[in-house]
């Protein structure tokens, strides 16, 4: 069981590193998109 847990931990770590290092451009888009989505609904709701 210990070996399985260790394997899963290493796998998760490897996937995280691959995602962070492999898709650096995928991280910035969600930030501005979220900002735009938050700012868009604000004006119409105020009106």
PDB file of N, CA and C in Angstrom:
ATOM      1  N   UNK A   1       0.841  -1.204   0.000  1.00  0.00           N
ATOM      2  CA  UNK A   1       0.000   0.000   0.000  1.00  0.00           C
ATOM      3  C   UNK A   1       0.874   1.251   0.000  1.00  0.00           C
ATOM      4  N   UNK A   2       1.965   1.169   0.733  1.00  0.00           N
ATOM      5  CA  UNK A   2       2.864   2.323   0.821  1.00  0.00           C
ATOM      6  C   UNK A   2       3.444   2.634  -0.555  1.00  0.00           C
ATOM      7  N   UNK A   3       3.786   1.558  -1.277  1.00  0.00           N
ATOM      8  CA  UNK A   3       4.382   1.740  -2.604  1.00  0.00           C
ATOM      9  C   UNK A   3       3.365   2.376  -3.547  1.00  0.00           C
ATOM     10  N   UNK A   4       2.116   1.947  -3.443  1.00  0.00           N
ATOM     11  CA  UNK A   4       1.065   2.494  -4.307  1.00  0.00           C
ATOM     12  C   UNK A   4       0.857   3.976  -4.009  1.00  0.00           C
ATOM     13  N   UNK A   5       0.845   4.318  -2.741  1.00  0.00           N
ATOM     14  CA  UNK A   5       0.660   5.722  -2.350  1.00  0.00           C
ATOM     15  C   UNK A   5       1.806   6.570  -2.872  1.00  0.00           C
ATOM     16  N   UNK A   6       3.012   6.035  -2.754  1.00  0.00           N
ATOM     17  CA  UNK A   6       4.193   6.762  -3.217  1.00  0.00           C
ATOM     18  C   UNK A   6       4.127   6.944  -4.733  1.00  0.00           C
ATOM     19  N   UNK A   7       3.701   5.891  -5.429  1.00  0.00           N
ATOM     20  CA  UNK A   7       3.607   5.949  -6.894  1.00  0.00           C
ATOM     21  C   UNK A   7       2.581   7.003  -7.312  1.00  0.00           C
ATOM     22  N   UNK A   8       1.456   7.027  -6.617  1.00  0.00           N
ATOM     23  CA  UNK A   8       0.402   7.998  -6.944  1.00  0.00           C
ATOM     24  C   UNK A   8       0.896   9.417  -6.693  1.00  0.00           C
ATOM     25  N   UNK A   9       1.601   9.599  -5.588  1.00  0.00           N
ATOM     26  CA  UNK A   9       2.136  10.923  -5.258  1.00  0.00           C
ATOM     27  C   UNK A   9       3.114  11.404  -6.309  1.00  0.00           C
ATOM     28  N   UNK A  10       4.005  10.500  -6.724  1.00  0.00           N
ATOM     29  CA  UNK A  10       5.002  10.861  -7.746  1.00  0.00           C
ATOM     30  C   UNK A  10       4.299  11.161  -9.066  1.00  0.00           C
ATOM     31  N   UNK A  11       3.288  10.367  -9.381  1.00  0.00           N
ATOM     32  CA  UNK A  11       2.557  10.560 -10.638  1.00  0.00           C
ATOM     33  C   UNK A  11       1.867  11.927 -10.635  1.00  0.00           C
ATOM     34  N   UNK A  12       1.225  12.260  -9.522  1.00  0.00           N
ATOM     35  CA  UNK A  12       0.540  13.553  -9.418  1.00  0.00           C
ATOM     36  C   UNK A  12       1.535  14.699  -9.547  1.00  0.00           C
ATOM     37  N   UNK A  13       2.677  14.535  -8.885  1.00  0.00           N
ATOM     38  CA  UNK A  13       3.706  15.571  -8.936  1.00  0.00           C
ATOM     39  C   UNK A  13       4.213  15.737 -10.363  1.00  0.00           C
ATOM     40  N   UNK A  14       4.430  14.595 -11.040  1.00  0.00           N
ATOM     41  CA  UNK A  14       4.943  14.633 -12.416  1.00  0.00           C
ATOM     42  C   UNK A  14       3.923  15.298 -13.340  1.00  0.00           C
ATOM     43  N   UNK A  15       2.655  14.956 -13.146  1.00  0.00           N
ATOM     44  CA  UNK A  15       1.601  15.542 -13.987  1.00  0.00           C
ATOM     45  C   UNK A  15       1.510  17.049 -13.754  1.00  0.00           C
ATOM     46  N   UNK A  16       1.610  17.446 -12.499  1.00  0.00           N
ATOM     47  CA  UNK A  16       1.532  18.873 -12.166  1.00  0.00           C
ATOM     48  C   UNK A  16       2.669  19.638 -12.829  1.00  0.00           C
ATOM     49  N   UNK A  17       3.872  19.077 -12.738  1.00  0.00           N
ATOM     50  CA  UNK A  17       5.043  19.727 -13.335  1.00  0.00           C
ATOM     51  C   UNK A  17       4.889  19.775 -14.848  1.00  0.00           C
ATOM     52  N   UNK A  18       4.379  18.685 -15.431  1.00  0.00           N
ATOM     53  CA  UNK A  18       4.218  18.641 -16.894  1.00  0.00           C
ATOM     54  C   UNK A  18       3.183  19.666 -17.337  1.00  0.00           C
ATOM     55  N   UNK A  19       2.116  19.807 -16.572  1.00  0.00           N
ATOM     56  CA  UNK A  19       1.066  20.755 -16.934  1.00  0.00           C
ATOM     57  C   UNK A  19       1.560  22.192 -16.788  1.00  0.00           C
ATOM     58  N   UNK A  20       2.287  22.448 -15.698  1.00  0.00           N
ATOM     59  CA  UNK A  20       2.789  23.801 -15.440  1.00  0.00           C
ATOM     60  C   UNK A  20       3.863  24.173 -16.445  1.00  0.00           C
ATOM     61  N   UNK A  21       4.714  23.194 -16.788  1.00  0.00           N
ATOM     62  CA  UNK A  21       5.829  23.491 -17.702  1.00  0.00           C
ATOM     63  C   UNK A  21       5.400  23.324 -19.158  1.00  0.00           C
ATOM     64  N   UNK A  22       4.430  22.452 -19.413  1.00  0.00           N
ATOM     65  CA  UNK A  22       4.028  22.168 -20.795  1.00  0.00           C
ATOM     66  C   UNK A  22       3.010  23.181 -21.314  1.00  0.00           C
ATOM     67  N   UNK A  23       2.152  23.707 -20.428  1.00  0.00           N
ATOM     68  CA  UNK A  23       1.139  24.663 -20.882  1.00  0.00           C
ATOM     69  C   UNK A  23       1.260  25.987 -20.139  1.00  0.00           C
ATOM     70  N   UNK A  24       2.357  26.700 -20.345  1.00  0.00           N
ATOM     71  CA  UNK A  24       2.554  27.989 -19.673  1.00  0.00           C
ATOM     72  C   UNK A  24       1.609  29.046 -20.237  1.00  0.00           C
ATOM     73  N   UNK A  25       1.173  28.836 -21.475  1.00  0.00           N
ATOM     74  CA  UNK A  25       0.288  29.803 -22.120  1.00  0.00           C
ATOM     75  C   UNK A  25      -1.162  29.548 -21.713  1.00  0.00           C
ATOM     76  N   UNK A  26      -1.426  28.376 -21.161  1.00  0.00           N
ATOM     77  CA  UNK A  26      -2.800  28.032 -20.778  1.00  0.00           C
ATOM     78  C   UNK A  26      -3.139  28.649 -19.422  1.00  0.00           C
ATOM     79  N   UNK A  27      -2.119  29.100 -18.704  1.00  0.00           N
ATOM     80  CA  UNK A  27      -2.362  29.688 -17.376  1.00  0.00           C
ATOM     81  C   UNK A  27      -2.807  31.146 -17.481  1.00  0.00           C
ATOM     82  N   UNK A  28      -2.181  31.961 -18.324  1.00  0.00           N
ATOM     83  CA  UNK A  28      -2.537  33.379 -18.449  1.00  0.00           C
ATOM     84  C   UNK A  28      -3.944  33.619 -18.996  1.00  0.00           C
ATOM     85  N   UNK A  29      -4.397  32.881 -20.013  1.00  0.00           N
ATOM     86  CA  UNK A  29      -5.724  33.112 -20.594  1.00  0.00           C
ATOM     87  C   UNK A  29      -6.858  33.059 -19.576  1.00  0.00           C
ATOM     88  N   UNK A  30      -6.878  32.060 -18.691  1.00  0.00           N
ATOM     89  CA  UNK A  30      -7.973  31.969 -17.717  1.00  0.00           C
ATOM     90  C   UNK A  30      -8.052  33.193 -16.810  1.00  0.00           C
ATOM     91  N   UNK A  31      -6.933  33.825 -16.536  1.00  0.00           N
ATOM     92  CA  UNK A  31      -6.933  34.983 -15.633  1.00  0.00           C
ATOM     93  C   UNK A  31      -7.666  36.168 -16.264  1.00  0.00           C
ATOM     94  N   UNK A  32      -7.268  36.598 -17.458  1.00  0.00           N
ATOM     95  CA  UNK A  32      -7.934  37.730 -18.111  1.00  0.00           C
ATOM     96  C   UNK A  32      -9.378  37.396 -18.458  1.00  0.00           C
ATOM     97  N   UNK A  33      -9.624  36.147 -18.789  1.00  0.00           N
ATOM     98  CA  UNK A  33     -10.981  35.738 -19.166  1.00  0.00           C
ATOM     99  C   UNK A  33     -11.901  35.844 -17.945  1.00  0.00           C
ATOM    100  N   UNK A  34     -11.378  35.432 -16.798  1.00  0.00           N
ATOM    101  CA  UNK A  34     -12.170  35.497 -15.568  1.00  0.00           C
ATOM    102  C   UNK A  34     -12.462  36.959 -15.226  1.00  0.00           C
ATOM    103  N   UNK A  35     -11.444  37.795 -15.425  1.00  0.00           N
ATOM    104  CA  UNK A  35     -11.587  39.217 -15.117  1.00  0.00           C
ATOM    105  C   UNK A  35     -12.667  39.828 -16.008  1.00  0.00           C
ATOM    106  N   UNK A  36     -12.619  39.483 -17.289  1.00  0.00           N
ATOM    107  CA  UNK A  36     -13.582  40.032 -18.243  1.00  0.00           C
ATOM    108  C   UNK A  36     -14.990  39.542 -17.893  1.00  0.00           C
ATOM    109  N   UNK A  37     -15.080  38.290 -17.505  1.00  0.00           N
ATOM    110  CA  UNK A  37     -16.394  37.726 -17.169  1.00  0.00           C
ATOM    111  C   UNK A  37     -16.955  38.397 -15.920  1.00  0.00           C
ATOM    112  N   UNK A  38     -16.069  38.732 -15.005  1.00  0.00           N
ATOM    113  CA  UNK A  38     -16.504  39.355 -13.744  1.00  0.00           C
ATOM    114  C   UNK A  38     -16.890  40.817 -13.997  1.00  0.00           C
ATOM    115  N   UNK A  39     -16.202  41.460 -14.929  1.00  0.00           N
ATOM    116  CA  UNK A  39     -16.466  42.867 -15.217  1.00  0.00           C
ATOM    117  C   UNK A  39     -17.678  43.016 -16.142  1.00  0.00           C
ATOM    118  N   UNK A  40     -17.887  42.028 -16.998  1.00  0.00           N
ATOM    119  CA  UNK A  40     -18.991  42.090 -17.955  1.00  0.00           C
ATOM    120  C   UNK A  40     -20.352  42.061 -17.252  1.00  0.00           C
ATOM    121  N   UNK A  41     -20.551  41.081 -16.389  1.00  0.00           N
ATOM    122  CA  UNK A  41     -21.848  40.955 -15.701  1.00  0.00           C
ATOM    123  C   UNK A  41     -22.089  42.070 -14.687  1.00  0.00           C
ATOM    124  N   UNK A  42     -21.045  42.756 -14.286  1.00  0.00           N
ATOM    125  CA  UNK A  42     -21.208  43.816 -13.284  1.00  0.00           C
ATOM    126  C   UNK A  42     -21.991  45.013 -13.845  1.00  0.00           C
ATOM    127  N   UNK A  43     -21.616  45.539 -15.016  1.00  0.00           N
ATOM    128  CA  UNK A  43     -22.318  46.697 -15.591  1.00  0.00           C
ATOM    129  C   UNK A  43     -23.794  46.415 -15.863  1.00  0.00           C
ATOM    130  N   UNK A  44     -24.117  45.305 -16.525  1.00  0.00           N
ATOM    131  CA  UNK A  44     -25.522  44.995 -16.826  1.00  0.00           C
ATOM    132  C   UNK A  44     -26.340  44.815 -15.545  1.00  0.00           C
ATOM    133  N   UNK A  45     -25.737  44.232 -14.534  1.00  0.00           N
ATOM    134  CA  UNK A  45     -26.452  43.995 -13.272  1.00  0.00           C
ATOM    135  C   UNK A  45     -26.738  45.339 -12.596  1.00  0.00           C
ATOM    136  N   UNK A  46     -25.808  46.275 -12.731  1.00  0.00           N
ATOM    137  CA  UNK A  46     -25.961  47.593 -12.108  1.00  0.00           C
ATOM    138  C   UNK A  46     -27.077  48.365 -12.808  1.00  0.00           C
ATOM    139  N   UNK A  47     -27.145  48.215 -14.123  1.00  0.00           N
ATOM    140  CA  UNK A  47     -28.143  48.946 -14.902  1.00  0.00           C
ATOM    141  C   UNK A  47     -29.486  48.480 -14.446  1.00  0.00           C
TER     142      UNK A  47
END
